[in-house]
Amino acid sequence: MNQRVFIRNLLLVSGVYLLAVAVGIALKVCYPDKDAPVYGAFKDLIPFIIAIPAAWLGYCFQRRQNYLKDVRDLWVKMVAAVQDAIQYTYSTTPMQSDYGKTLRSLSVVTEELRGVFANVGEESGRVGLFPFESLKAIHATVSALEFGEKFTVQDAALARKDITERWKKLRMHYLTELERKEPGHVDSPYISI
C-alpha cells in the first residue's frame, strides 16, 4: 500500500471516528434522558463502531509495512542488477555467460518490479505503462553491446555513460517510494553540526 492510499485510509477511519463522536453528542443533546432507547442503542453499538475501523486500520498498517519491505528488498536487487550492468561495460572480451548473467539479472528485477508496482494507467483490458522505463532501457543498452567479437570497448564506454545516467534518473524516482529521512548523526567532512 503506497503512501497516498495509506493516508486516504487513515483519513477515512478518522472520519468514521469523528462521525461517531458527532452522532453520540447529537444523540445525547437530542435525548438527554439517561434511559433514552436511541442513545442506549448507540452506546451498545460503540464497541462495533470502535472495533471495525480499528481492525481496518490495523490491516492498513500491516499492508503498508509489507509494501515498504517489498520496496526495500527490491531496491537491493535492483542495485545489484544495475551494478552488474555497469561492471559488464568494463569487460574487454566478455563471454556469453557474462552477457547472459547480466541480462538475466536485469530481466528478473524488471519482472519483480511488475510484482510490486502496477503499471501506470493499468485497468481491465488496458496494460498501462511500466513505471520505471529506465530499467528496461538499461537492459536494452546491455543487450545491444552483445559479447565476444561483437563487443567493443568504445561502445562499452558509451553504454556505461548511458547506463549511469539512466540509473541516476531511476534511482531518484524509486527512492521517493522509500520515504527516507536525513540521519540524526552524520559522518562527513563537508557537514559541521
N, C-alpha and C. Protein backbone atom coordinates (compact mmCIF):
# COMPACT_ATOMS: atom_id res chain seq x y z
N MET A 1 0.85 -1.17 0.00
CA MET A 1 0.00 0.00 0.00
C MET A 1 0.90 1.23 0.00
N ASN A 2 0.80 2.03 -1.07
CA ASN A 2 1.65 3.20 -1.13
C ASN A 2 1.16 4.29 -0.19
N GLN A 3 1.94 5.33 -0.04
CA GLN A 3 1.66 6.37 0.95
C GLN A 3 0.33 7.06 0.69
N ARG A 4 0.01 7.32 -0.56
CA ARG A 4 -1.24 8.02 -0.90
C ARG A 4 -2.46 7.21 -0.45
N VAL A 5 -2.48 5.93 -0.74
CA VAL A 5 -3.60 5.07 -0.35
C VAL A 5 -3.65 4.93 1.17
N PHE A 6 -2.49 4.81 1.78
CA PHE A 6 -2.42 4.68 3.24
C PHE A 6 -3.01 5.91 3.93
N ILE A 7 -2.62 7.08 3.48
CA ILE A 7 -3.14 8.32 4.08
C ILE A 7 -4.64 8.44 3.84
N ARG A 8 -5.08 8.06 2.67
CA ARG A 8 -6.53 8.09 2.38
C ARG A 8 -7.29 7.19 3.36
N ASN A 9 -6.76 6.02 3.63
CA ASN A 9 -7.42 5.11 4.58
C ASN A 9 -7.38 5.65 6.00
N LEU A 10 -6.26 6.28 6.38
CA LEU A 10 -6.18 6.90 7.70
C LEU A 10 -7.24 8.00 7.86
N LEU A 11 -7.38 8.81 6.84
CA LEU A 11 -8.38 9.88 6.88
C LEU A 11 -9.80 9.32 6.91
N LEU A 12 -10.02 8.24 6.20
CA LEU A 12 -11.34 7.60 6.19
C LEU A 12 -11.70 7.08 7.58
N VAL A 13 -10.78 6.40 8.23
CA VAL A 13 -11.03 5.88 9.58
C VAL A 13 -11.20 7.03 10.56
N SER A 14 -10.38 8.07 10.44
CA SER A 14 -10.54 9.24 11.31
C SER A 14 -11.90 9.87 11.12
N GLY A 15 -12.36 9.92 9.88
CA GLY A 15 -13.69 10.46 9.60
C GLY A 15 -14.79 9.64 10.24
N VAL A 16 -14.65 8.31 10.21
CA VAL A 16 -15.64 7.44 10.85
C VAL A 16 -15.70 7.72 12.35
N TYR A 17 -14.52 7.84 12.98
CA TYR A 17 -14.50 8.12 14.41
C TYR A 17 -15.08 9.50 14.74
N LEU A 18 -14.74 10.50 13.94
CA LEU A 18 -15.30 11.83 14.17
C LEU A 18 -16.81 11.84 13.99
N LEU A 19 -17.28 11.11 12.99
CA LEU A 19 -18.72 11.00 12.76
C LEU A 19 -19.39 10.32 13.95
N ALA A 20 -18.77 9.27 14.48
CA ALA A 20 -19.33 8.57 15.64
C ALA A 20 -19.41 9.49 16.85
N VAL A 21 -18.38 10.30 17.06
CA VAL A 21 -18.39 11.25 18.18
C VAL A 21 -19.49 12.28 17.96
N ALA A 22 -19.61 12.79 16.75
CA ALA A 22 -20.63 13.80 16.45
C ALA A 22 -22.04 13.23 16.63
N VAL A 23 -22.25 11.99 16.18
CA VAL A 23 -23.56 11.35 16.34
C VAL A 23 -23.85 11.14 17.83
N GLY A 24 -22.84 10.70 18.58
CA GLY A 24 -23.02 10.50 20.01
C GLY A 24 -23.39 11.79 20.72
N ILE A 25 -22.71 12.87 20.39
CA ILE A 25 -23.02 14.17 21.01
C ILE A 25 -24.43 14.62 20.61
N ALA A 26 -24.76 14.47 19.34
CA ALA A 26 -26.09 14.89 18.86
C ALA A 26 -27.18 14.07 19.54
N LEU A 27 -26.96 12.78 19.69
CA LEU A 27 -27.97 11.94 20.35
C LEU A 27 -28.13 12.31 21.81
N LYS A 28 -27.04 12.62 22.46
CA LYS A 28 -27.10 13.00 23.89
C LYS A 28 -27.83 14.33 24.06
N VAL A 29 -27.60 15.26 23.10
CA VAL A 29 -28.28 16.55 23.16
C VAL A 29 -29.78 16.38 22.86
N CYS A 30 -30.09 15.57 21.85
CA CYS A 30 -31.50 15.37 21.46
C CYS A 30 -32.26 14.50 22.46
N TYR A 31 -31.59 13.58 23.09
CA TYR A 31 -32.22 12.67 24.05
C TYR A 31 -31.45 12.73 25.37
N PRO A 32 -31.65 13.81 26.16
CA PRO A 32 -30.88 13.97 27.39
C PRO A 32 -31.27 12.99 28.49
N ASP A 33 -32.40 12.35 28.34
CA ASP A 33 -32.84 11.39 29.34
C ASP A 33 -31.84 10.22 29.39
N LYS A 34 -31.43 9.87 30.58
CA LYS A 34 -30.45 8.81 30.80
C LYS A 34 -30.91 7.46 30.26
N ASP A 35 -32.18 7.21 30.22
CA ASP A 35 -32.72 5.92 29.76
C ASP A 35 -33.29 5.99 28.36
N ALA A 36 -32.93 6.98 27.56
CA ALA A 36 -33.45 7.11 26.19
C ALA A 36 -33.02 5.90 25.37
N PRO A 37 -33.96 5.21 24.71
CA PRO A 37 -33.61 4.00 23.97
C PRO A 37 -32.69 4.24 22.77
N VAL A 38 -32.82 5.38 22.12
CA VAL A 38 -31.97 5.66 20.96
C VAL A 38 -30.52 5.82 21.40
N TYR A 39 -30.31 6.60 22.46
CA TYR A 39 -28.95 6.81 22.96
C TYR A 39 -28.39 5.50 23.54
N GLY A 40 -29.24 4.72 24.20
CA GLY A 40 -28.83 3.43 24.74
C GLY A 40 -28.39 2.47 23.63
N ALA A 41 -29.14 2.46 22.53
CA ALA A 41 -28.76 1.60 21.40
C ALA A 41 -27.41 2.04 20.82
N PHE A 42 -27.23 3.36 20.74
CA PHE A 42 -25.95 3.87 20.24
C PHE A 42 -24.80 3.43 21.15
N LYS A 43 -25.00 3.53 22.47
CA LYS A 43 -23.96 3.11 23.41
C LYS A 43 -23.65 1.62 23.27
N ASP A 44 -24.70 0.83 22.99
CA ASP A 44 -24.48 -0.61 22.81
C ASP A 44 -23.66 -0.90 21.54
N LEU A 45 -23.78 -0.03 20.55
CA LEU A 45 -23.06 -0.24 19.29
C LEU A 45 -21.62 0.32 19.31
N ILE A 46 -21.27 1.06 20.35
CA ILE A 46 -19.94 1.67 20.43
C ILE A 46 -18.80 0.65 20.24
N PRO A 47 -18.84 -0.55 20.84
CA PRO A 47 -17.73 -1.49 20.59
C PRO A 47 -17.55 -1.82 19.11
N PHE A 48 -18.65 -1.94 18.37
CA PHE A 48 -18.55 -2.22 16.94
C PHE A 48 -18.04 -1.00 16.18
N ILE A 49 -18.50 0.17 16.60
CA ILE A 49 -18.08 1.42 15.95
C ILE A 49 -16.58 1.63 16.14
N ILE A 50 -16.05 1.18 17.25
CA ILE A 50 -14.61 1.31 17.51
C ILE A 50 -13.83 0.16 16.87
N ALA A 51 -14.34 -1.06 17.01
CA ALA A 51 -13.57 -2.25 16.60
C ALA A 51 -13.42 -2.40 15.09
N ILE A 52 -14.48 -2.15 14.35
CA ILE A 52 -14.40 -2.39 12.89
C ILE A 52 -13.41 -1.44 12.22
N PRO A 53 -13.49 -0.12 12.45
CA PRO A 53 -12.46 0.75 11.86
C PRO A 53 -11.06 0.47 12.41
N ALA A 54 -10.96 0.08 13.68
CA ALA A 54 -9.65 -0.24 14.25
C ALA A 54 -9.05 -1.47 13.56
N ALA A 55 -9.88 -2.46 13.27
CA ALA A 55 -9.39 -3.65 12.56
C ALA A 55 -8.92 -3.26 11.15
N TRP A 56 -9.69 -2.42 10.49
CA TRP A 56 -9.31 -1.96 9.16
C TRP A 56 -7.99 -1.17 9.21
N LEU A 57 -7.84 -0.34 10.23
CA LEU A 57 -6.62 0.43 10.40
C LEU A 57 -5.42 -0.49 10.63
N GLY A 58 -5.60 -1.52 11.44
CA GLY A 58 -4.53 -2.50 11.65
C GLY A 58 -4.13 -3.18 10.35
N TYR A 59 -5.13 -3.53 9.55
CA TYR A 59 -4.88 -4.14 8.24
C TYR A 59 -4.09 -3.17 7.35
N CYS A 60 -4.46 -1.89 7.37
CA CYS A 60 -3.77 -0.89 6.56
C CYS A 60 -2.31 -0.74 6.99
N PHE A 61 -2.06 -0.70 8.30
CA PHE A 61 -0.69 -0.60 8.79
C PHE A 61 0.13 -1.82 8.38
N GLN A 62 -0.47 -2.99 8.44
CA GLN A 62 0.24 -4.20 8.04
C GLN A 62 0.56 -4.18 6.55
N ARG A 63 -0.41 -3.79 5.73
CA ARG A 63 -0.17 -3.70 4.28
C ARG A 63 0.91 -2.67 3.97
N ARG A 64 0.90 -1.56 4.69
CA ARG A 64 1.90 -0.51 4.46
C ARG A 64 3.30 -1.02 4.79
N GLN A 65 3.44 -1.72 5.92
CA GLN A 65 4.74 -2.26 6.30
C GLN A 65 5.22 -3.31 5.29
N ASN A 66 4.32 -4.15 4.82
CA ASN A 66 4.69 -5.14 3.81
C ASN A 66 5.14 -4.48 2.52
N TYR A 67 4.43 -3.43 2.12
CA TYR A 67 4.79 -2.69 0.92
C TYR A 67 6.19 -2.10 1.05
N LEU A 68 6.47 -1.43 2.17
CA LEU A 68 7.79 -0.83 2.35
C LEU A 68 8.89 -1.88 2.37
N LYS A 69 8.62 -3.04 2.96
CA LYS A 69 9.60 -4.12 2.97
C LYS A 69 9.85 -4.62 1.54
N ASP A 70 8.79 -4.80 0.78
CA ASP A 70 8.94 -5.24 -0.61
C ASP A 70 9.75 -4.24 -1.43
N VAL A 71 9.47 -2.95 -1.23
CA VAL A 71 10.18 -1.91 -1.97
C VAL A 71 11.66 -1.90 -1.58
N ARG A 72 11.95 -2.05 -0.29
CA ARG A 72 13.35 -2.07 0.16
C ARG A 72 14.09 -3.31 -0.34
N ASP A 73 13.44 -4.47 -0.26
CA ASP A 73 14.06 -5.70 -0.76
C ASP A 73 14.34 -5.60 -2.25
N LEU A 74 13.41 -5.04 -2.98
CA LEU A 74 13.58 -4.89 -4.42
C LEU A 74 14.69 -3.89 -4.74
N TRP A 75 14.85 -2.89 -3.89
CA TRP A 75 15.93 -1.91 -4.08
C TRP A 75 17.29 -2.60 -4.05
N VAL A 76 17.49 -3.49 -3.11
CA VAL A 76 18.76 -4.21 -3.01
C VAL A 76 19.03 -5.00 -4.29
N LYS A 77 18.01 -5.67 -4.79
CA LYS A 77 18.18 -6.47 -6.02
C LYS A 77 18.41 -5.58 -7.23
N MET A 78 17.75 -4.43 -7.26
CA MET A 78 17.91 -3.52 -8.39
C MET A 78 19.32 -2.94 -8.41
N VAL A 79 19.83 -2.56 -7.25
CA VAL A 79 21.20 -2.04 -7.17
C VAL A 79 22.18 -3.08 -7.70
N ALA A 80 22.02 -4.32 -7.27
CA ALA A 80 22.93 -5.39 -7.72
C ALA A 80 22.85 -5.59 -9.23
N ALA A 81 21.63 -5.60 -9.78
CA ALA A 81 21.46 -5.82 -11.22
C ALA A 81 22.08 -4.69 -12.04
N VAL A 82 21.86 -3.46 -11.62
CA VAL A 82 22.42 -2.32 -12.36
C VAL A 82 23.94 -2.30 -12.22
N GLN A 83 24.45 -2.62 -11.05
CA GLN A 83 25.91 -2.68 -10.89
C GLN A 83 26.52 -3.79 -11.76
N ASP A 84 25.81 -4.91 -11.90
CA ASP A 84 26.26 -5.95 -12.83
C ASP A 84 26.35 -5.40 -14.24
N ALA A 85 25.36 -4.59 -14.63
CA ALA A 85 25.35 -4.00 -15.98
C ALA A 85 26.52 -3.04 -16.15
N ILE A 86 26.77 -2.23 -15.14
CA ILE A 86 27.90 -1.29 -15.22
C ILE A 86 29.22 -2.05 -15.28
N GLN A 87 29.38 -3.07 -14.44
CA GLN A 87 30.60 -3.86 -14.46
C GLN A 87 30.80 -4.57 -15.79
N TYR A 88 29.70 -4.97 -16.44
CA TYR A 88 29.79 -5.62 -17.74
C TYR A 88 30.46 -4.70 -18.76
N THR A 89 30.20 -3.39 -18.64
CA THR A 89 30.79 -2.45 -19.60
C THR A 89 32.29 -2.28 -19.40
N TYR A 90 32.82 -2.71 -18.27
CA TYR A 90 34.26 -2.64 -18.03
C TYR A 90 35.00 -3.87 -18.58
N SER A 91 34.27 -4.85 -19.03
CA SER A 91 34.91 -6.04 -19.61
C SER A 91 35.60 -5.67 -20.92
N THR A 92 36.61 -6.45 -21.27
CA THR A 92 37.27 -6.22 -22.56
C THR A 92 36.79 -7.23 -23.59
N THR A 93 36.64 -8.47 -23.16
CA THR A 93 36.09 -9.50 -24.06
C THR A 93 35.15 -10.39 -23.24
N PRO A 94 33.95 -9.90 -22.98
CA PRO A 94 33.03 -10.69 -22.16
C PRO A 94 32.55 -11.95 -22.89
N MET A 95 32.31 -12.96 -22.12
CA MET A 95 31.82 -14.24 -22.66
C MET A 95 30.30 -14.21 -22.69
N GLN A 96 29.74 -15.18 -23.37
CA GLN A 96 28.29 -15.29 -23.47
C GLN A 96 27.67 -15.49 -22.09
N SER A 97 28.36 -16.20 -21.19
CA SER A 97 27.84 -16.45 -19.85
C SER A 97 27.73 -15.14 -19.05
N ASP A 98 28.72 -14.23 -19.22
CA ASP A 98 28.66 -12.93 -18.55
C ASP A 98 27.49 -12.10 -19.09
N TYR A 99 27.36 -12.13 -20.38
CA TYR A 99 26.27 -11.41 -21.06
C TYR A 99 24.91 -11.93 -20.58
N GLY A 100 24.77 -13.25 -20.58
CA GLY A 100 23.51 -13.86 -20.15
C GLY A 100 23.20 -13.59 -18.69
N LYS A 101 24.21 -13.65 -17.83
CA LYS A 101 24.01 -13.38 -16.41
C LYS A 101 23.55 -11.95 -16.17
N THR A 102 24.16 -11.01 -16.88
CA THR A 102 23.81 -9.59 -16.72
C THR A 102 22.39 -9.33 -17.20
N LEU A 103 22.05 -9.84 -18.37
CA LEU A 103 20.69 -9.63 -18.90
C LEU A 103 19.65 -10.34 -18.04
N ARG A 104 20.02 -11.51 -17.52
CA ARG A 104 19.08 -12.24 -16.67
C ARG A 104 18.78 -11.45 -15.39
N SER A 105 19.81 -10.90 -14.75
CA SER A 105 19.57 -10.17 -13.50
C SER A 105 18.72 -8.93 -13.76
N LEU A 106 18.94 -8.25 -14.88
CA LEU A 106 18.10 -7.10 -15.22
C LEU A 106 16.66 -7.52 -15.52
N SER A 107 16.49 -8.64 -16.20
CA SER A 107 15.14 -9.14 -16.51
C SER A 107 14.40 -9.54 -15.25
N VAL A 108 15.09 -10.20 -14.34
CA VAL A 108 14.46 -10.64 -13.08
C VAL A 108 13.98 -9.43 -12.28
N VAL A 109 14.82 -8.41 -12.17
CA VAL A 109 14.43 -7.22 -11.42
C VAL A 109 13.27 -6.51 -12.10
N THR A 110 13.27 -6.48 -13.42
CA THR A 110 12.15 -5.86 -14.14
C THR A 110 10.85 -6.58 -13.82
N GLU A 111 10.88 -7.89 -13.82
CA GLU A 111 9.66 -8.65 -13.52
C GLU A 111 9.26 -8.52 -12.05
N GLU A 112 10.23 -8.43 -11.16
CA GLU A 112 9.89 -8.23 -9.75
C GLU A 112 9.28 -6.85 -9.53
N LEU A 113 9.72 -5.86 -10.28
CA LEU A 113 9.09 -4.54 -10.22
C LEU A 113 7.62 -4.64 -10.60
N ARG A 114 7.32 -5.46 -11.60
CA ARG A 114 5.93 -5.65 -12.01
C ARG A 114 5.10 -6.29 -10.89
N GLY A 115 5.75 -7.07 -10.04
CA GLY A 115 5.05 -7.71 -8.93
C GLY A 115 4.77 -6.76 -7.78
N VAL A 116 5.56 -5.70 -7.65
CA VAL A 116 5.39 -4.75 -6.55
C VAL A 116 4.56 -3.54 -6.98
N PHE A 117 4.79 -3.07 -8.20
CA PHE A 117 4.11 -1.87 -8.70
C PHE A 117 3.21 -2.21 -9.88
N ALA A 118 2.02 -1.65 -9.88
CA ALA A 118 1.14 -1.77 -11.04
C ALA A 118 1.63 -0.81 -12.12
N ASN A 119 1.32 -1.11 -13.36
CA ASN A 119 1.64 -0.19 -14.43
C ASN A 119 0.82 1.08 -14.26
N VAL A 120 1.36 2.19 -14.72
CA VAL A 120 0.65 3.47 -14.65
C VAL A 120 -0.50 3.43 -15.65
N GLY A 121 -1.71 3.66 -15.17
CA GLY A 121 -2.88 3.64 -16.03
C GLY A 121 -3.41 2.24 -16.32
N GLU A 122 -2.97 1.26 -15.56
CA GLU A 122 -3.41 -0.12 -15.78
C GLU A 122 -4.86 -0.27 -15.34
N GLU A 123 -5.68 -0.82 -16.22
CA GLU A 123 -7.09 -1.08 -15.94
C GLU A 123 -7.47 -2.39 -16.62
N SER A 124 -8.69 -2.79 -16.42
CA SER A 124 -9.18 -4.00 -17.07
C SER A 124 -9.16 -3.79 -18.59
N GLY A 125 -8.43 -4.65 -19.28
CA GLY A 125 -8.34 -4.55 -20.73
C GLY A 125 -7.30 -3.54 -21.21
N ARG A 126 -6.60 -2.91 -20.30
CA ARG A 126 -5.58 -1.92 -20.67
C ARG A 126 -4.31 -2.19 -19.86
N VAL A 127 -3.21 -2.40 -20.54
CA VAL A 127 -1.96 -2.78 -19.87
C VAL A 127 -1.35 -1.61 -19.11
N GLY A 128 -1.40 -0.42 -19.62
CA GLY A 128 -0.78 0.73 -18.97
C GLY A 128 0.70 0.81 -19.32
N LEU A 129 1.41 1.70 -18.63
CA LEU A 129 2.82 1.94 -18.90
C LEU A 129 3.68 1.51 -17.71
N PHE A 130 4.80 0.89 -18.02
CA PHE A 130 5.74 0.45 -16.99
C PHE A 130 6.26 1.67 -16.24
N PRO A 131 6.26 1.66 -14.91
CA PRO A 131 6.59 2.87 -14.15
C PRO A 131 8.07 3.24 -14.09
N PHE A 132 8.96 2.31 -14.41
CA PHE A 132 10.39 2.59 -14.31
C PHE A 132 11.08 2.17 -15.61
N GLU A 133 10.81 2.92 -16.67
CA GLU A 133 11.30 2.60 -18.01
C GLU A 133 12.82 2.60 -18.10
N SER A 134 13.50 3.36 -17.25
CA SER A 134 14.96 3.41 -17.32
C SER A 134 15.58 2.04 -17.13
N LEU A 135 14.96 1.19 -16.32
CA LEU A 135 15.50 -0.15 -16.11
C LEU A 135 15.42 -0.97 -17.41
N LYS A 136 14.32 -0.85 -18.12
CA LYS A 136 14.19 -1.55 -19.40
C LYS A 136 15.18 -0.98 -20.43
N ALA A 137 15.42 0.32 -20.36
CA ALA A 137 16.39 0.93 -21.27
C ALA A 137 17.81 0.45 -20.96
N ILE A 138 18.12 0.27 -19.69
CA ILE A 138 19.44 -0.27 -19.31
C ILE A 138 19.58 -1.68 -19.87
N HIS A 139 18.53 -2.47 -19.78
CA HIS A 139 18.53 -3.82 -20.35
C HIS A 139 18.81 -3.76 -21.85
N ALA A 140 18.13 -2.84 -22.55
CA ALA A 140 18.32 -2.71 -24.00
C ALA A 140 19.75 -2.28 -24.34
N THR A 141 20.32 -1.41 -23.52
CA THR A 141 21.69 -0.94 -23.75
C THR A 141 22.68 -2.09 -23.63
N VAL A 142 22.53 -2.89 -22.58
CA VAL A 142 23.42 -4.04 -22.40
C VAL A 142 23.19 -5.05 -23.52
N SER A 143 21.95 -5.26 -23.88
CA SER A 143 21.63 -6.19 -24.95
C SER A 143 22.29 -5.79 -26.26
N ALA A 144 22.33 -4.50 -26.54
CA ALA A 144 22.94 -4.01 -27.78
C ALA A 144 24.46 -4.18 -27.79
N LEU A 145 25.08 -4.24 -26.62
CA LEU A 145 26.54 -4.42 -26.55
C LEU A 145 26.97 -5.79 -27.05
N GLU A 146 26.14 -6.77 -26.81
CA GLU A 146 26.42 -8.16 -27.15
C GLU A 146 27.66 -8.67 -26.41
N PHE A 147 28.37 -9.65 -26.98
CA PHE A 147 29.52 -10.27 -26.32
C PHE A 147 30.50 -10.77 -27.37
N GLY A 148 31.62 -11.26 -26.89
CA GLY A 148 32.63 -11.82 -27.81
C GLY A 148 33.20 -10.77 -28.74
N GLU A 149 33.33 -11.13 -30.04
CA GLU A 149 33.95 -10.25 -31.03
C GLU A 149 33.08 -9.04 -31.37
N LYS A 150 31.78 -9.14 -31.15
CA LYS A 150 30.87 -8.03 -31.45
C LYS A 150 30.97 -6.92 -30.40
N PHE A 151 31.51 -7.25 -29.25
CA PHE A 151 31.65 -6.29 -28.14
C PHE A 151 32.87 -5.41 -28.41
N THR A 152 32.69 -4.07 -28.31
CA THR A 152 33.83 -3.17 -28.46
C THR A 152 33.95 -2.30 -27.21
N VAL A 153 35.16 -1.95 -26.87
CA VAL A 153 35.44 -1.14 -25.69
C VAL A 153 34.84 0.26 -25.85
N GLN A 154 34.87 0.79 -27.07
CA GLN A 154 34.32 2.12 -27.32
C GLN A 154 32.80 2.13 -27.10
N ASP A 155 32.11 1.12 -27.61
CA ASP A 155 30.66 1.02 -27.39
C ASP A 155 30.35 0.81 -25.91
N ALA A 156 31.21 0.06 -25.24
CA ALA A 156 31.00 -0.20 -23.82
C ALA A 156 31.13 1.09 -23.00
N ALA A 157 32.08 1.95 -23.38
CA ALA A 157 32.24 3.23 -22.66
C ALA A 157 31.00 4.10 -22.84
N LEU A 158 30.47 4.14 -24.05
CA LEU A 158 29.22 4.91 -24.30
C LEU A 158 28.05 4.29 -23.55
N ALA A 159 27.99 2.98 -23.54
CA ALA A 159 26.91 2.28 -22.83
C ALA A 159 26.99 2.54 -21.33
N ARG A 160 28.21 2.55 -20.78
CA ARG A 160 28.40 2.81 -19.36
C ARG A 160 27.87 4.19 -18.99
N LYS A 161 28.16 5.17 -19.83
CA LYS A 161 27.66 6.53 -19.58
C LYS A 161 26.13 6.55 -19.63
N ASP A 162 25.56 5.88 -20.62
CA ASP A 162 24.10 5.82 -20.75
C ASP A 162 23.46 5.11 -19.55
N ILE A 163 24.04 3.99 -19.16
CA ILE A 163 23.52 3.23 -18.01
C ILE A 163 23.58 4.08 -16.74
N THR A 164 24.69 4.76 -16.54
CA THR A 164 24.86 5.59 -15.34
C THR A 164 23.83 6.71 -15.30
N GLU A 165 23.60 7.37 -16.42
CA GLU A 165 22.60 8.45 -16.47
C GLU A 165 21.19 7.91 -16.21
N ARG A 166 20.87 6.80 -16.82
CA ARG A 166 19.55 6.21 -16.60
C ARG A 166 19.38 5.73 -15.15
N TRP A 167 20.45 5.21 -14.57
CA TRP A 167 20.40 4.76 -13.18
C TRP A 167 20.15 5.93 -12.24
N LYS A 168 20.80 7.06 -12.48
CA LYS A 168 20.58 8.24 -11.66
C LYS A 168 19.11 8.67 -11.71
N LYS A 169 18.55 8.66 -12.89
CA LYS A 169 17.14 9.04 -13.06
C LYS A 169 16.22 8.04 -12.36
N LEU A 170 16.46 6.77 -12.59
CA LEU A 170 15.67 5.72 -11.96
C LEU A 170 15.77 5.78 -10.45
N ARG A 171 16.97 5.94 -9.95
CA ARG A 171 17.20 5.99 -8.50
C ARG A 171 16.45 7.15 -7.86
N MET A 172 16.49 8.32 -8.51
CA MET A 172 15.82 9.49 -7.96
C MET A 172 14.31 9.23 -7.78
N HIS A 173 13.69 8.62 -8.77
CA HIS A 173 12.24 8.36 -8.70
C HIS A 173 11.92 7.20 -7.76
N TYR A 174 12.72 6.17 -7.80
CA TYR A 174 12.43 4.99 -6.98
C TYR A 174 12.58 5.28 -5.49
N LEU A 175 13.60 6.03 -5.13
CA LEU A 175 13.86 6.28 -3.71
C LEU A 175 12.75 7.08 -3.04
N THR A 176 11.94 7.80 -3.80
CA THR A 176 10.82 8.52 -3.18
C THR A 176 9.81 7.54 -2.59
N GLU A 177 9.76 6.32 -3.10
CA GLU A 177 8.86 5.30 -2.56
C GLU A 177 9.30 4.82 -1.18
N LEU A 178 10.56 5.04 -0.82
CA LEU A 178 11.09 4.54 0.45
C LEU A 178 10.90 5.50 1.62
N GLU A 179 10.48 6.73 1.35
CA GLU A 179 10.23 7.71 2.41
C GLU A 179 11.44 7.85 3.33
N ARG A 180 12.56 8.15 2.74
CA ARG A 180 13.79 8.28 3.52
C ARG A 180 13.83 9.60 4.26
N LYS A 181 14.55 9.65 5.35
CA LYS A 181 14.75 10.86 6.15
C LYS A 181 16.24 11.10 6.33
N GLU A 182 16.60 12.34 6.64
CA GLU A 182 18.01 12.63 6.93
C GLU A 182 18.41 11.92 8.23
N PRO A 183 19.67 11.46 8.31
CA PRO A 183 20.11 10.80 9.54
C PRO A 183 20.26 11.80 10.68
N GLY A 184 20.14 11.32 11.89
CA GLY A 184 20.32 12.16 13.06
C GLY A 184 21.78 12.49 13.31
N HIS A 185 22.68 11.58 12.93
CA HIS A 185 24.12 11.76 13.11
C HIS A 185 24.79 11.42 11.78
N VAL A 186 25.67 12.31 11.34
CA VAL A 186 26.33 12.10 10.06
C VAL A 186 27.83 12.03 10.22
N ASP A 187 28.48 11.36 9.29
CA ASP A 187 29.95 11.27 9.25
C ASP A 187 30.36 11.83 7.89
N SER A 188 30.63 13.13 7.85
CA SER A 188 31.00 13.77 6.60
C SER A 188 31.90 14.97 6.91
N PRO A 189 33.00 15.10 6.19
CA PRO A 189 33.85 16.27 6.41
C PRO A 189 33.23 17.55 5.83
N TYR A 190 32.16 17.41 5.07
CA TYR A 190 31.53 18.55 4.42
C TYR A 190 30.39 19.15 5.24
N ILE A 191 30.04 18.49 6.33
CA ILE A 191 28.91 18.94 7.15
C ILE A 191 29.41 19.15 8.57
N SER A 192 29.17 20.34 9.10
CA SER A 192 29.53 20.59 10.50
C SER A 192 28.25 20.79 11.28
N ILE A 193 28.12 20.02 12.34
CA ILE A 193 26.89 20.09 13.15
C ILE A 193 27.19 20.68 14.50
